[in-house]
Amino acid sequence: MGKNALTGDPTINTLNRKLLISSKYSEMGLIVPTRRLFGLGQRNGKFKLDSGSYTMLARGRKEYLPAEDYLGGKQGNHIHPFILGQTGDKSFFGIFFANTGVQHFEIIHFTKFNNTVINYIHLGPNIEIYFIFGKTAPEVVAHYHKMI
């Protein structure tokens, strides 16, 4: 498991997780040291990410934004594949999934451990992910905004 350069605490790792890259489909699993995850674009649900499936694809949704049911496919028109996390030492990290096709996230929280599995699946051959670390949420989000 990697260590946060700012605090020395455990960070994101891929130990015993999937990595599959093909010409039409890619999948990657991550383990993050927290259950406090937020984000993933425009949704009609809680800002904090619960265990469940979240699908993001560019489409023009003309009707109202349906309530999140954690089964995927309920996001709005604004695609922001960014997850903000807060670790046990109160520092923050961000994960920006910079792909343009259909993206699917499986969030699995473990109550016995303070870890979360993020399974990232997308249509397409390339995986482009950026990790941002900082002491505060505004610092991490500001860096993300500079990237987009």
Protein backbone atom coordinates (compact mmCIF):
# COMPACT_ATOMS: atom_id res chain seq x y z
CA MET A 1 0.00 0.00 0.00
CA GLY A 2 1.27 3.45 -0.89
CA LYS A 3 1.87 6.20 1.64
CA ASN A 4 0.67 9.80 1.52
CA ALA A 5 3.78 11.97 1.14
CA LEU A 6 2.21 14.68 3.31
CA THR A 7 1.18 12.51 6.26
CA GLY A 8 2.76 9.06 5.84
CA ASP A 9 -0.70 7.44 6.11
CA PRO A 10 -1.86 4.67 3.76
CA THR A 11 -3.31 5.87 0.47
CA ILE A 12 -4.88 4.44 -2.63
CA ASN A 13 -3.72 1.01 -3.74
CA THR A 14 -4.55 -1.72 -6.24
CA LEU A 15 -3.56 -4.77 -4.17
CA ASN A 16 -5.53 -7.85 -5.31
CA ARG A 17 -7.76 -5.72 -7.56
CA LYS A 18 -8.56 -6.14 -11.25
CA LEU A 19 -6.82 -4.46 -14.16
CA LEU A 20 -8.24 -5.36 -17.54
CA ILE A 21 -7.58 -3.37 -20.71
CA SER A 22 -8.95 -4.45 -24.08
CA SER A 23 -9.79 -2.64 -27.30
CA LYS A 24 -13.43 -2.13 -26.27
CA TYR A 25 -13.60 -2.37 -22.47
CA SER A 26 -11.39 -1.54 -19.50
CA GLU A 27 -11.75 -2.18 -15.78
CA MET A 28 -9.63 -1.20 -12.80
CA GLY A 29 -10.11 -1.75 -9.07
CA LEU A 30 -8.84 0.58 -6.36
CA ILE A 31 -8.85 0.43 -2.57
CA VAL A 32 -9.01 3.73 -0.72
CA PRO A 33 -8.46 4.11 3.06
CA THR A 34 -11.79 5.74 3.89
CA ARG A 35 -15.55 5.48 3.57
CA ARG A 36 -15.89 9.26 3.30
CA LEU A 37 -16.20 9.70 -0.48
CA PHE A 38 -18.05 12.46 -2.30
CA GLY A 39 -18.83 13.57 -5.84
CA LEU A 40 -19.36 11.87 -9.20
CA GLY A 41 -21.15 14.56 -11.14
CA GLN A 42 -24.72 15.75 -11.18
CA ARG A 43 -26.99 13.37 -9.25
CA ASN A 44 -30.26 13.68 -7.36
CA GLY A 45 -29.02 12.06 -4.17
CA LYS A 46 -26.68 12.52 -1.22
CA PHE A 47 -23.34 14.22 -1.86
CA LYS A 48 -21.64 11.44 0.12
CA LEU A 49 -21.29 8.31 -2.00
CA ASP A 50 -23.05 5.29 -0.55
CA SER A 51 -22.31 1.72 -1.62
CA GLY A 52 -23.83 1.20 -5.03
CA SER A 53 -23.46 1.65 -8.77
CA TYR A 54 -23.04 5.01 -10.48
CA THR A 55 -23.11 5.33 -14.27
CA MET A 56 -21.99 8.40 -16.19
CA LEU A 57 -22.59 9.02 -19.87
CA ALA A 58 -23.06 12.15 -21.94
CA ARG A 59 -26.70 12.51 -22.88
CA GLY A 60 -29.23 15.27 -23.03
CA ARG A 61 -31.69 14.59 -20.24
CA LYS A 62 -34.68 16.85 -20.89
CA GLU A 63 -36.94 15.58 -18.15
CA TYR A 64 -36.41 16.08 -14.43
CA LEU A 65 -33.39 14.52 -12.75
CA PRO A 66 -34.59 11.19 -11.29
CA ALA A 67 -33.77 10.27 -7.70
CA GLU A 68 -30.61 8.20 -7.25
CA ASP A 69 -31.32 4.52 -6.56
CA TYR A 70 -27.65 3.40 -6.51
CA LEU A 71 -28.26 1.02 -9.43
CA GLY A 72 -26.71 3.35 -12.02
CA GLY A 73 -27.99 5.35 -14.97
CA LYS A 74 -29.65 8.19 -13.02
CA GLN A 75 -27.07 10.97 -13.44
CA GLY A 76 -27.78 14.35 -15.02
CA ASN A 77 -26.24 16.06 -18.03
CA HIS A 78 -23.09 17.24 -16.29
CA ILE A 79 -20.30 14.67 -16.37
CA HIS A 80 -17.71 15.16 -13.63
CA PRO A 81 -15.97 11.83 -13.01
CA PHE A 82 -14.24 13.09 -9.88
CA ILE A 83 -14.25 11.56 -6.41
CA LEU A 84 -13.17 13.53 -3.35
CA GLY A 85 -12.13 11.54 -0.29
CA GLN A 86 -11.29 12.43 3.30
CA THR A 87 -8.88 10.19 5.18
CA GLY A 88 -8.72 9.41 8.89
CA ASP A 89 -6.14 12.14 9.51
CA LYS A 90 -8.56 14.68 7.92
CA SER A 91 -6.41 15.18 4.80
CA PHE A 92 -8.03 14.92 1.38
CA PHE A 93 -7.46 13.26 -1.96
CA GLY A 94 -9.15 13.45 -5.32
CA ILE A 95 -9.39 10.92 -8.13
CA PHE A 96 -10.13 12.30 -11.60
CA PHE A 97 -11.14 9.72 -14.22
CA ALA A 98 -10.33 11.62 -17.44
CA ASN A 99 -12.14 9.44 -19.97
CA THR A 100 -14.93 10.55 -22.30
CA GLY A 101 -16.97 7.41 -22.93
CA VAL A 102 -19.53 5.64 -20.78
CA GLN A 103 -18.15 5.21 -17.26
CA HIS A 104 -19.44 3.02 -14.46
CA PHE A 105 -18.37 3.08 -10.82
CA GLU A 106 -19.06 0.41 -8.22
CA ILE A 107 -18.56 1.74 -4.70
CA ILE A 108 -18.27 -0.93 -2.00
CA HIS A 109 -17.86 0.24 1.61
CA PHE A 110 -16.59 -2.16 4.26
CA THR A 111 -18.09 -1.50 7.69
CA LYS A 112 -15.59 -3.71 9.54
CA PHE A 113 -12.66 -1.82 7.99
CA ASN A 114 -12.36 1.84 7.12
CA ASN A 115 -11.76 1.02 3.44
CA THR A 116 -13.72 1.33 0.22
CA VAL A 117 -13.33 -0.54 -3.03
CA ILE A 118 -13.88 1.49 -6.19
CA ASN A 119 -14.33 -0.62 -9.31
CA TYR A 120 -14.03 1.59 -12.38
CA ILE A 121 -15.36 0.29 -15.69
CA HIS A 122 -15.51 2.13 -18.99
CA LEU A 123 -16.05 1.48 -22.65
CA GLY A 124 -12.80 2.03 -24.46
CA PRO A 125 -9.20 0.88 -24.42
CA ASN A 126 -7.48 3.56 -22.34
CA ILE A 127 -7.61 4.33 -18.65
CA GLU A 128 -6.52 7.84 -17.68
CA ILE A 129 -6.69 8.55 -13.95
CA TYR A 130 -5.14 11.39 -11.96
CA PHE A 131 -4.60 11.34 -8.20
CA ILE A 132 -4.52 14.63 -6.29
CA PHE A 133 -3.46 14.90 -2.64
CA GLY A 134 -3.81 17.86 -0.30
CA LYS A 135 -4.43 18.96 3.25
CA THR A 136 -7.84 20.55 2.56
CA ALA A 137 -10.79 19.89 0.26
CA PRO A 138 -10.59 23.37 -1.37
CA GLU A 139 -6.91 22.71 -2.19
CA VAL A 140 -7.72 19.41 -3.92
CA VAL A 141 -10.77 20.79 -5.75
CA ALA A 142 -8.82 23.87 -6.91
CA HIS A 143 -6.18 21.60 -8.42
CA TYR A 144 -8.91 19.55 -10.14
CA HIS A 145 -10.43 22.74 -11.57
CA LYS A 146 -7.03 23.71 -13.03
CA MET A 147 -6.90 20.31 -14.76
CA ILE A 148 -10.29 20.59 -16.41
